[in-house]
């Protein structure tokens, strides 16, 4: 194979923290190279170097065999390197339409005149959308970008990037918010890009994805390349090199639990205007996993319970009493907590420390007369870092500086340190590696064991099987499967997920 991009002896440190050490990597034209590593392995730092976000590194970057200087996102793009980062909010421009977002860089560069009409922009955007099989009509292209859901926003970012035919396309957890169908559409597009000679660097924790699309696998740990393989891959070896001396916990180490008394009961609740009524009981001591494809109603269910959306019809009972939340504050007062799926938009404040972020929802417990109790806050931050194995130099490190997976640990972990009546976790494993997934799963189960009802919403079958006592499959707002986790299988769950309600 002919290399598109090479990195030679790349090293980088943040103060005393050495994050990359002598990294050598070759990314070949016309194929997908998978990059695998635990949270904090150095993947994000390497990606940001190639993307021009970080410039204070040592070593060389070669494109088409020639040494190039990449010291800004602009020089990276000029060199033909395009990156779709894991955080969706970094790629969406607020206050603009979907069409303007899709063509944003062409407008800024002057390729499309700024004075051109919205109609012309929509016409151009429609061509790109059709070419990428996005199935977005003119009405959607005229909408404000924030009217798109998370998955659609990610597809928009992908579409904007892929339309420029880069030499190297870096995809950082690109399917984290995509449905199975959308993921398959992305994979088909990647194959087309490979046929055009474009190199792909694909970062994901989903081994089934890497098995499906990658020809080369590179494993990182502690800022170094630990293993390189060509397909077919040895996943046992890859995971051993990825995790080092960590133990990859086995799912069957935990005993499935039958819930005791009912904490929350849903009576004839409709999640969509035309969906079937939903009847559901969430019990103490039990982890109930709800799974479904995009649009199945998982997030809608969470919002109804949490008071973020109004009930269309039906009613809810909390511990036998009528429960009618008009606002999330009503849910919190009743000890119902929600960990939202979009941590960047809903759960993090820029430039806050891990300790400060960990105590954000519980400020009243960590302050007196408006003054933060720094000692107590620091203790909570240290506990979270230790319990969830957050990769960081200190509990006082800025949360923005963490890798995406470690940010997820902080956001999920801060809620797991509380004891509500009902804990709702919406996509808690998004962007975390297998080892971290098991760590979070154990903490979730430990929480349930303290008489807490836990509701986990996910779209990945392996994730649900790692944590749940009971599994419910939703299709278009309807329960099509409700079974004990030990009485089903991955294939059965997938088959139910693909049913038509």
Foldseek 3Di string as FASTA:
>chain_A
DQFFKWWFQKWDADVVQTQAGGATDTFFWLAEEEEEFFFSLNPVVVVCCLQQVDQPIDTFMDGSRHTDHRNHNVSSVVSQEAEQDPALVVQADFPAFLLCSLCVVCCVVCVPDVPDDVVVSLVVSVVLCVVLVVPDDSVNRRHGLVVDDPQVSLVSSVSSRVVVLGQEYEYALSCLPAFPVVVVSVLVVSNVSSVVGHTYYYYDQPVVVCQPGHQKYWYGGSNYTQDIDGPPDDVVVRVCSNQPPDDLDDLVVDDFDDFDDFFKWWFQFFLDPPDGGDTDTFGFLFEEEEAATVLLRLVSVVCCLQQVDATPDTFMAGPNHTDGRNHNVSCVVQQEEELDPNCVVPQDDFQFFLLCSLCVVPQVVQDDPPHGVVVVSQVSLVVLCVQLVQDDPGSRDTLVPTPPQSNLSSSLSSVLVDQGQEYEYESSRRPGHSSSLLSSLVSQSVNSNVGHGYYYYDHDLVSCLSHGQWYFYGGNRYTPDTGGSVVDDPVVNVVSNPDHD
